[in-house]
PDB file of N, CA and C in Angstrom:
ATOM      1  N   MET A   1     -97.578  36.228  29.536  1.00  0.00           N
ATOM      2  CA  MET A   1     -97.793  37.700  28.939  1.00  0.00           C
ATOM      3  C   MET A   1     -96.668  37.806  28.114  1.00  0.00           C
ATOM      4  N   ALA A   2     -95.564  37.469  28.621  1.00  0.00           N
ATOM      5  CA  ALA A   2     -94.269  37.901  27.814  1.00  0.00           C
ATOM      6  C   ALA A   2     -94.078  36.922  26.666  1.00  0.00           C
ATOM      7  N   ASP A   3     -94.594  35.509  26.836  1.00  0.00           N
ATOM      8  CA  ASP A   3     -94.522  34.889  25.757  1.00  0.00           C
ATOM      9  C   ASP A   3     -95.355  35.307  24.440  1.00  0.00           C
ATOM     10  N   GLU A   4     -96.634  35.901  24.838  1.00  0.00           N
ATOM     11  CA  GLU A   4     -97.484  36.473  23.903  1.00  0.00           C
ATOM     12  C   GLU A   4     -96.841  37.652  23.157  1.00  0.00           C
ATOM     13  N   LEU A   5     -96.162  38.484  23.745  1.00  0.00           N
ATOM     14  CA  LEU A   5     -95.527  39.704  23.339  1.00  0.00           C
ATOM     15  C   LEU A   5     -94.303  39.110  22.419  1.00  0.00           C
ATOM     16  N   GLU A   6     -93.611  38.204  22.888  1.00  0.00           N
ATOM     17  CA  GLU A   6     -92.379  37.586  22.134  1.00  0.00           C
ATOM     18  C   GLU A   6     -92.991  37.130  20.698  1.00  0.00           C
ATOM     19  N   GLN A   7     -94.077  36.318  20.769  1.00  0.00           N
ATOM     20  CA  GLN A   7     -94.898  35.907  19.677  1.00  0.00           C
ATOM     21  C   GLN A   7     -95.426  36.839  18.590  1.00  0.00           C
ATOM     22  N   ALA A   8     -95.904  37.984  19.287  1.00  0.00           N
ATOM     23  CA  ALA A   8     -96.288  38.961  18.465  1.00  0.00           C
ATOM     24  C   ALA A   8     -95.109  39.772  17.495  1.00  0.00           C
ATOM     25  N   SER A   9     -94.060  39.754  18.531  1.00  0.00           N
ATOM     26  CA  SER A   9     -92.891  40.365  17.842  1.00  0.00           C
ATOM     27  C   SER A   9     -92.402  39.419  16.791  1.00  0.00           C
ATOM     28  N   ARG A  10     -92.295  38.261  16.883  1.00  0.00           N
ATOM     29  CA  ARG A  10     -91.813  37.378  15.831  1.00  0.00           C
ATOM     30  C   ARG A  10     -92.889  37.425  14.532  1.00  0.00           C
ATOM     31  N   ASP A  11     -94.236  37.574  14.767  1.00  0.00           N
ATOM     32  CA  ASP A  11     -95.058  37.718  13.850  1.00  0.00           C
ATOM     33  C   ASP A  11     -95.125  38.833  13.026  1.00  0.00           C
ATOM     34  N   ASP A  12     -94.790  39.999  13.851  1.00  0.00           N
ATOM     35  CA  ASP A  12     -94.450  41.404  12.984  1.00  0.00           C
ATOM     36  C   ASP A  12     -93.203  41.090  12.160  1.00  0.00           C
ATOM     37  N   TRP A  13     -92.316  40.478  12.597  1.00  0.00           N
ATOM     38  CA  TRP A  13     -90.847  40.435  11.828  1.00  0.00           C
ATOM     39  C   TRP A  13     -91.254  39.500  10.586  1.00  0.00           C
ATOM     40  N   GLN A  14     -91.942  38.436  10.611  1.00  0.00           N
ATOM     41  CA  GLN A  14     -92.264  37.551   9.720  1.00  0.00           C
ATOM     42  C   GLN A  14     -93.387  38.526   8.634  1.00  0.00           C
ATOM     43  N   THR A  15     -94.219  39.039   9.087  1.00  0.00           N
ATOM     44  CA  THR A  15     -95.018  39.756   8.237  1.00  0.00           C
ATOM     45  C   THR A  15     -94.255  40.833   7.457  1.00  0.00           C
ATOM     46  N   ALA A  16     -93.306  41.497   7.967  1.00  0.00           N
ATOM     47  CA  ALA A  16     -92.503  42.358   7.368  1.00  0.00           C
ATOM     48  C   ALA A  16     -91.695  41.852   6.406  1.00  0.00           C
ATOM     49  N   LEU A  17     -91.123  40.541   6.772  1.00  0.00           N
ATOM     50  CA  LEU A  17     -90.275  39.869   5.830  1.00  0.00           C
ATOM     51  C   LEU A  17     -90.902  39.503   4.353  1.00  0.00           C
ATOM     52  N   TYR A  18     -92.085  38.837   4.656  1.00  0.00           N
ATOM     53  CA  TYR A  18     -93.176  38.694   3.576  1.00  0.00           C
ATOM     54  C   TYR A  18     -93.504  39.840   2.666  1.00  0.00           C
ATOM     55  N   GLU A  19     -93.795  40.908   3.317  1.00  0.00           N
ATOM     56  CA  GLU A  19     -94.385  42.058   2.846  1.00  0.00           C
ATOM     57  C   GLU A  19     -93.052  42.483   1.759  1.00  0.00           C
ATOM     58  N   ALA A  20     -91.964  42.798   2.317  1.00  0.00           N
ATOM     59  CA  ALA A  20     -90.774  43.298   1.518  1.00  0.00           C
ATOM     60  C   ALA A  20     -90.732  42.141   0.138  1.00  0.00           C
ATOM     61  N   SER A  21     -90.626  41.093   0.600  1.00  0.00           N
ATOM     62  CA  SER A  21     -90.473  40.196  -0.598  1.00  0.00           C
ATOM     63  C   SER A  21     -91.599  40.152  -1.626  1.00  0.00           C
ATOM     64  N   HIS A  22     -92.698  40.572  -1.135  1.00  0.00           N
ATOM     65  CA  HIS A  22     -93.941  40.619  -2.098  1.00  0.00           C
ATOM     66  C   HIS A  22     -93.837  41.997  -2.851  1.00  0.00           C
ATOM     67  N   ARG A  23     -93.444  43.145  -2.324  1.00  0.00           N
ATOM     68  CA  ARG A  23     -93.263  44.344  -2.945  1.00  0.00           C
ATOM     69  C   ARG A  23     -91.970  44.383  -3.938  1.00  0.00           C
ATOM     70  N   TYR A  24     -90.972  43.693  -3.548  1.00  0.00           N
ATOM     71  CA  TYR A  24     -89.842  43.202  -4.495  1.00  0.00           C
ATOM     72  C   TYR A  24     -90.337  42.416  -5.738  1.00  0.00           C
ATOM     73  N   SER A  25     -91.102  41.501  -5.467  1.00  0.00           N
ATOM     74  CA  SER A  25     -91.855  40.803  -6.680  1.00  0.00           C
ATOM     75  C   SER A  25     -92.521  41.695  -7.680  1.00  0.00           C
ATOM     76  N   LEU A  26     -93.454  42.493  -6.929  1.00  0.00           N
ATOM     77  CA  LEU A  26     -94.515  43.401  -7.700  1.00  0.00           C
ATOM     78  C   LEU A  26     -93.511  44.286  -8.585  1.00  0.00           C
ATOM     79  N   VAL A  27     -92.427  45.022  -8.040  1.00  0.00           N
ATOM     80  CA  VAL A  27     -91.603  46.033  -8.635  1.00  0.00           C
ATOM     81  C   VAL A  27     -91.099  45.083  -9.904  1.00  0.00           C
ATOM     82  N   LEU A  28     -90.425  43.950  -9.651  1.00  0.00           N
ATOM     83  CA  LEU A  28     -89.739  43.167 -10.644  1.00  0.00           C
ATOM     84  C   LEU A  28     -90.723  42.677 -11.716  1.00  0.00           C
ATOM     85  N   LYS A  29     -91.829  42.543 -11.624  1.00  0.00           N
ATOM     86  CA  LYS A  29     -92.811  42.024 -12.673  1.00  0.00           C
ATOM     87  C   LYS A  29     -93.264  43.375 -13.423  1.00  0.00           C
ATOM     88  N   GLU A  30     -93.292  44.482 -12.885  1.00  0.00           N
ATOM     89  CA  GLU A  30     -93.354  45.864 -13.683  1.00  0.00           C
ATOM     90  C   GLU A  30     -92.262  45.796 -14.524  1.00  0.00           C
ATOM     91  N   LEU A  31     -91.194  45.853 -13.937  1.00  0.00           N
ATOM     92  CA  LEU A  31     -89.780  45.901 -14.812  1.00  0.00           C
ATOM     93  C   LEU A  31     -89.740  44.995 -15.951  1.00  0.00           C
ATOM     94  N   HIS A  32     -89.899  43.789 -15.644  1.00  0.00           N
ATOM     95  CA  HIS A  32     -90.004  42.787 -16.512  1.00  0.00           C
ATOM     96  C   HIS A  32     -90.884  43.098 -17.833  1.00  0.00           C
ATOM     97  N   LYS A  33     -92.223  43.383 -17.491  1.00  0.00           N
ATOM     98  CA  LYS A  33     -93.022  43.924 -18.503  1.00  0.00           C
ATOM     99  C   LYS A  33     -92.696  45.332 -19.179  1.00  0.00           C
ATOM    100  N   THR A  34     -91.781  45.993 -18.796  1.00  0.00           N
ATOM    101  CA  THR A  34     -91.551  47.184 -19.465  1.00  0.00           C
ATOM    102  C   THR A  34     -89.951  47.230 -19.951  1.00  0.00           C
ATOM    103  N   ASN A  35     -89.408  46.047 -19.730  1.00  0.00           N
ATOM    104  CA  ASN A  35     -87.811  45.840 -20.195  1.00  0.00           C
ATOM    105  C   ASN A  35     -87.743  46.156 -21.478  1.00  0.00           C
ATOM    106  N   PRO A  36     -86.838  47.253 -21.824  1.00  0.00           N
ATOM    107  CA  PRO A  36     -86.581  47.490 -23.223  1.00  0.00           C
ATOM    108  C   PRO A  36     -85.673  46.845 -23.772  1.00  0.00           C
ATOM    109  N   TRP A  37     -84.930  46.016 -23.018  1.00  0.00           N
ATOM    110  CA  TRP A  37     -83.995  44.966 -23.635  1.00  0.00           C
ATOM    111  C   TRP A  37     -84.287  43.583 -23.495  1.00  0.00           C
ATOM    112  N   PRO A  38     -85.213  43.127 -24.219  1.00  0.00           N
ATOM    113  CA  PRO A  38     -85.738  41.814 -24.225  1.00  0.00           C
ATOM    114  C   PRO A  38     -84.540  40.600 -23.979  1.00  0.00           C
ATOM    115  N   ASP A  39     -83.426  40.991 -24.644  1.00  0.00           N
ATOM    116  CA  ASP A  39     -82.490  39.892 -24.656  1.00  0.00           C
ATOM    117  C   ASP A  39     -81.614  39.902 -23.533  1.00  0.00           C
ATOM    118  N   ASN A  40     -81.919  40.851 -22.531  1.00  0.00           N
ATOM    119  CA  ASN A  40     -81.440  40.802 -21.190  1.00  0.00           C
ATOM    120  C   ASN A  40     -82.476  40.721 -20.189  1.00  0.00           C
ATOM    121  N   PRO A  41     -82.897  39.657 -19.780  1.00  0.00           N
ATOM    122  CA  PRO A  41     -84.153  39.507 -18.957  1.00  0.00           C
ATOM    123  C   PRO A  41     -83.928  40.021 -17.603  1.00  0.00           C
ATOM    124  N   ALA A  42     -84.940  40.807 -16.982  1.00  0.00           N
ATOM    125  CA  ALA A  42     -85.147  41.564 -15.981  1.00  0.00           C
ATOM    126  C   ALA A  42     -84.640  40.742 -14.786  1.00  0.00           C
ATOM    127  N   LEU A  43     -85.470  39.637 -14.711  1.00  0.00           N
ATOM    128  CA  LEU A  43     -85.107  38.691 -13.660  1.00  0.00           C
ATOM    129  C   LEU A  43     -83.791  38.177 -13.593  1.00  0.00           C
ATOM    130  N   ALA A  44     -83.062  37.789 -14.511  1.00  0.00           N
ATOM    131  CA  ALA A  44     -81.580  37.468 -14.351  1.00  0.00           C
ATOM    132  C   ALA A  44     -80.836  38.550 -13.780  1.00  0.00           C
ATOM    133  N   GLN A  45     -81.123  39.843 -14.436  1.00  0.00           N
ATOM    134  CA  GLN A  45     -80.427  40.905 -14.024  1.00  0.00           C
ATOM    135  C   GLN A  45     -80.592  41.124 -12.363  1.00  0.00           C
ATOM    136  N   SER A  46     -81.865  41.015 -11.964  1.00  0.00           N
ATOM    137  CA  SER A  46     -82.069  41.277 -10.812  1.00  0.00           C
ATOM    138  C   SER A  46     -81.584  40.417  -9.771  1.00  0.00           C
ATOM    139  N   ILE A  47     -81.790  39.051 -10.217  1.00  0.00           N
ATOM    140  CA  ILE A  47     -81.182  38.042  -9.219  1.00  0.00           C
ATOM    141  C   ILE A  47     -79.804  38.166  -8.866  1.00  0.00           C
ATOM    142  N   ASN A  48     -78.999  38.377 -10.166  1.00  0.00           N
ATOM    143  CA  ASN A  48     -77.762  38.936  -9.919  1.00  0.00           C
ATOM    144  C   ASN A  48     -77.264  39.969  -9.165  1.00  0.00           C
ATOM    145  N   THR A  49     -78.120  41.127  -9.262  1.00  0.00           N
ATOM    146  CA  THR A  49     -77.882  42.473  -8.426  1.00  0.00           C
ATOM    147  C   THR A  49     -78.138  41.944  -7.093  1.00  0.00           C
ATOM    148  N   LEU A  50     -79.211  41.267  -6.967  1.00  0.00           N
ATOM    149  CA  LEU A  50     -79.767  41.051  -5.360  1.00  0.00           C
ATOM    150  C   LEU A  50     -78.567  40.058  -4.842  1.00  0.00           C
ATOM    151  N   GLY A  51     -77.967  39.224  -5.532  1.00  0.00           N
ATOM    152  CA  GLY A  51     -76.732  38.409  -4.986  1.00  0.00           C
ATOM    153  C   GLY A  51     -75.621  39.459  -4.625  1.00  0.00           C
ATOM    154  N   THR A  52     -75.202  40.298  -5.532  1.00  0.00           N
ATOM    155  CA  THR A  52     -74.050  41.223  -5.193  1.00  0.00           C
ATOM    156  C   THR A  52     -74.383  42.169  -3.983  1.00  0.00           C
ATOM    157  N   GLU A  53     -75.812  42.632  -3.962  1.00  0.00           N
ATOM    158  CA  GLU A  53     -76.295  43.525  -2.908  1.00  0.00           C
ATOM    159  C   GLU A  53     -76.105  42.725  -1.560  1.00  0.00           C
ATOM    160  N   LEU A  54     -76.556  41.477  -1.550  1.00  0.00           N
ATOM    161  CA  LEU A  54     -76.238  40.697  -0.224  1.00  0.00           C
ATOM    162  C   LEU A  54     -74.943  40.819   0.114  1.00  0.00           C
ATOM    163  N   TRP A  55     -73.984  40.296  -0.972  1.00  0.00           N
ATOM    164  CA  TRP A  55     -72.550  40.376  -0.489  1.00  0.00           C
ATOM    165  C   TRP A  55     -72.050  41.604   0.136  1.00  0.00           C
ATOM    166  N   ASP A  56     -72.551  42.633  -0.573  1.00  0.00           N
ATOM    167  CA  ASP A  56     -72.032  43.845  -0.281  1.00  0.00           C
ATOM    168  C   ASP A  56     -72.619  44.115   1.234  1.00  0.00           C
ATOM    169  N   SER A  57     -73.751  43.589   1.671  1.00  0.00           N
ATOM    170  CA  SER A  57     -74.168  43.684   2.944  1.00  0.00           C
ATOM    171  C   SER A  57     -73.763  42.732   3.881  1.00  0.00           C
ATOM    172  N   SER A  58     -72.603  41.987   3.600  1.00  0.00           N
ATOM    173  CA  SER A  58     -71.762  41.194   4.529  1.00  0.00           C
ATOM    174  C   SER A  58     -72.389  39.850   4.813  1.00  0.00           C
ATOM    175  N   PHE A  59     -73.332  39.437   3.866  1.00  0.00           N
ATOM    176  CA  PHE A  59     -73.661  38.112   3.876  1.00  0.00           C
ATOM    177  C   PHE A  59     -72.620  37.291   3.039  1.00  0.00           C
ATOM    178  N   SER A  60     -72.437  36.033   3.585  1.00  0.00           N
ATOM    179  CA  SER A  60     -71.182  35.300   3.093  1.00  0.00           C
ATOM    180  C   SER A  60     -71.507  34.707   1.673  1.00  0.00           C
ATOM    181  N   PHE A  61     -70.725  34.429   0.624  1.00  0.00           N
ATOM    182  CA  PHE A  61     -70.908  33.811  -0.346  1.00  0.00           C
ATOM    183  C   PHE A  61     -71.844  32.569  -0.167  1.00  0.00           C
ATOM    184  N   ALA A  62     -71.300  31.593   0.862  1.00  0.00           N
ATOM    185  CA  ALA A  62     -71.945  30.345   1.227  1.00  0.00           C
ATOM    186  C   ALA A  62     -73.363  30.597   1.688  1.00  0.00           C
ATOM    187  N   GLU A  63     -73.774  31.498   2.406  1.00  0.00           N
ATOM    188  CA  GLU A  63     -75.103  31.983   2.830  1.00  0.00           C
ATOM    189  C   GLU A  63     -75.870  32.200   1.527  1.00  0.00           C
ATOM    190  N   ILE A  64     -75.336  33.146   0.546  1.00  0.00           N
ATOM    191  CA  ILE A  64     -76.171  33.436  -0.550  1.00  0.00           C
ATOM    192  C   ILE A  64     -76.358  32.389  -1.503  1.00  0.00           C
ATOM    193  N   ALA A  65     -75.452  31.555  -1.677  1.00  0.00           N
ATOM    194  CA  ALA A  65     -75.542  30.486  -2.626  1.00  0.00           C
ATOM    195  C   ALA A  65     -76.448  29.459  -2.012  1.00  0.00           C
ATOM    196  N   SER A  66     -76.256  29.074  -0.895  1.00  0.00           N
ATOM    197  CA  SER A  66     -77.226  28.172   0.008  1.00  0.00           C
ATOM    198  C   SER A  66     -78.709  28.626  -0.149  1.00  0.00           C
ATOM    199  N   ALA A  67     -79.087  29.998   0.148  1.00  0.00           N
ATOM    200  CA  ALA A  67     -80.229  30.350   0.092  1.00  0.00           C
ATOM    201  C   ALA A  67     -81.039  30.310  -1.188  1.00  0.00           C
ATOM    202  N   PHE A  68     -80.120  30.506  -2.319  1.00  0.00           N
ATOM    203  CA  PHE A  68     -80.714  30.413  -3.602  1.00  0.00           C
ATOM    204  C   PHE A  68     -80.827  29.085  -3.961  1.00  0.00           C
ATOM    205  N   GLN A  69     -79.949  28.292  -3.798  1.00  0.00           N
ATOM    206  CA  GLN A  69     -80.296  26.725  -4.064  1.00  0.00           C
ATOM    207  C   GLN A  69     -81.392  26.335  -3.140  1.00  0.00           C
ATOM    208  N   GLU A  70     -81.614  26.621  -2.003  1.00  0.00           N
ATOM    209  CA  GLU A  70     -82.806  26.412  -1.211  1.00  0.00           C
ATOM    210  C   GLU A  70     -84.140  26.722  -1.835  1.00  0.00           C
ATOM    211  N   ALA A  71     -84.193  28.006  -2.200  1.00  0.00           N
ATOM    212  CA  ALA A  71     -85.147  28.631  -2.592  1.00  0.00           C
ATOM    213  C   ALA A  71     -85.629  27.969  -3.824  1.00  0.00           C
ATOM    214  N   ALA A  72     -84.724  27.793  -4.986  1.00  0.00           N
ATOM    215  CA  ALA A  72     -85.115  27.079  -6.164  1.00  0.00           C
ATOM    216  C   ALA A  72     -85.659  25.543  -5.897  1.00  0.00           C
ATOM    217  N   ALA A  73     -84.896  24.981  -5.024  1.00  0.00           N
ATOM    218  CA  ALA A  73     -85.324  23.565  -4.493  1.00  0.00           C
ATOM    219  C   ALA A  73     -86.929  23.641  -3.978  1.00  0.00           C
ATOM    220  N   ASP A  74     -87.099  24.571  -2.968  1.00  0.00           N
ATOM    221  CA  ASP A  74     -88.522  24.490  -2.568  1.00  0.00           C
ATOM    222  C   ASP A  74     -89.578  25.209  -3.680  1.00  0.00           C
ATOM    223  N   LEU A  75     -89.167  25.775  -4.462  1.00  0.00           N
ATOM    224  CA  LEU A  75     -90.105  26.302  -5.618  1.00  0.00           C
ATOM    225  C   LEU A  75     -90.762  25.207  -6.291  1.00  0.00           C
ATOM    226  N   LEU A  76     -89.826  23.931  -6.536  1.00  0.00           N
ATOM    227  CA  LEU A  76     -90.418  22.818  -7.199  1.00  0.00           C
ATOM    228  C   LEU A  76     -91.621  22.455  -6.474  1.00  0.00           C
ATOM    229  N   ARG A  77     -91.692  22.227  -5.090  1.00  0.00           N
ATOM    230  CA  ARG A  77     -92.780  21.965  -4.395  1.00  0.00           C
ATOM    231  C   ARG A  77     -94.002  22.954  -4.437  1.00  0.00           C
ATOM    232  N   TYR A  78     -93.535  24.075  -4.281  1.00  0.00           N
ATOM    233  CA  TYR A  78     -94.494  25.246  -4.183  1.00  0.00           C
ATOM    234  C   TYR A  78     -95.423  25.291  -5.451  1.00  0.00           C
ATOM    235  N   ALA A  79     -94.593  25.085  -6.842  1.00  0.00           N
ATOM    236  CA  ALA A  79     -95.293  25.187  -7.929  1.00  0.00           C
ATOM    237  C   ALA A  79     -96.060  23.834  -8.394  1.00  0.00           C
ATOM    238  N   ALA A  80     -95.797  22.860  -7.659  1.00  0.00           N
ATOM    239  CA  ALA A  80     -96.555  21.479  -7.918  1.00  0.00           C
ATOM    240  C   ALA A  80     -96.651  21.023  -9.259  1.00  0.00           C
ATOM    241  N   GLY A  81     -95.237  21.197  -9.853  1.00  0.00           N
ATOM    242  CA  GLY A  81     -95.125  20.836 -11.314  1.00  0.00           C
ATOM    243  C   GLY A  81     -95.384  21.939 -12.333  1.00  0.00           C
ATOM    244  N   ASP A  82     -96.076  22.778 -11.751  1.00  0.00           N
ATOM    245  CA  ASP A  82     -96.481  23.984 -12.932  1.00  0.00           C
ATOM    246  C   ASP A  82     -95.196  24.952 -13.400  1.00  0.00           C
ATOM    247  N   GLU A  83     -95.023  25.188 -14.584  1.00  0.00           N
ATOM    248  CA  GLU A  83     -93.961  26.111 -15.127  1.00  0.00           C
ATOM    249  C   GLU A  83     -94.277  27.435 -14.630  1.00  0.00           C
ATOM    250  N   VAL A  84     -95.506  27.791 -14.794  1.00  0.00           N
ATOM    251  CA  VAL A  84     -95.914  29.189 -14.316  1.00  0.00           C
ATOM    252  C   VAL A  84     -97.378  29.115 -13.697  1.00  0.00           C
ATOM    253  N   ARG A  85     -97.616  30.114 -12.797  1.00  0.00           N
ATOM    254  CA  ARG A  85     -98.842  30.063 -12.174  1.00  0.00           C
ATOM    255  C   ARG A  85    -100.039  30.118 -13.011  1.00  0.00           C
ATOM    256  N   PRO A  86    -100.915  29.036 -12.822  1.00  0.00           N
ATOM    257  CA  PRO A  86    -101.978  28.860 -13.845  1.00  0.00           C
ATOM    258  C   PRO A  86    -103.030  30.109 -13.671  1.00  0.00           C
TER     259      PRO A  86
END
């Protein structure tokens, strides 16, 4: 019973993480579409700001850099060679 409750709690945490990431991506997509400064891409601005916000939230430079590098490397696998989602 305790194991089931612990697993349910972990599942809830993981769902919250994925939902937060999804909401962030949807807002960023809308900002990208409505960006009044096309020479200053919303994605680059957002990733830069996210990095500084993470640092301000006490994540270390090494943790942030490693997370971005791992995410970029894993995206190659996820995208299976496609530049954009077909």
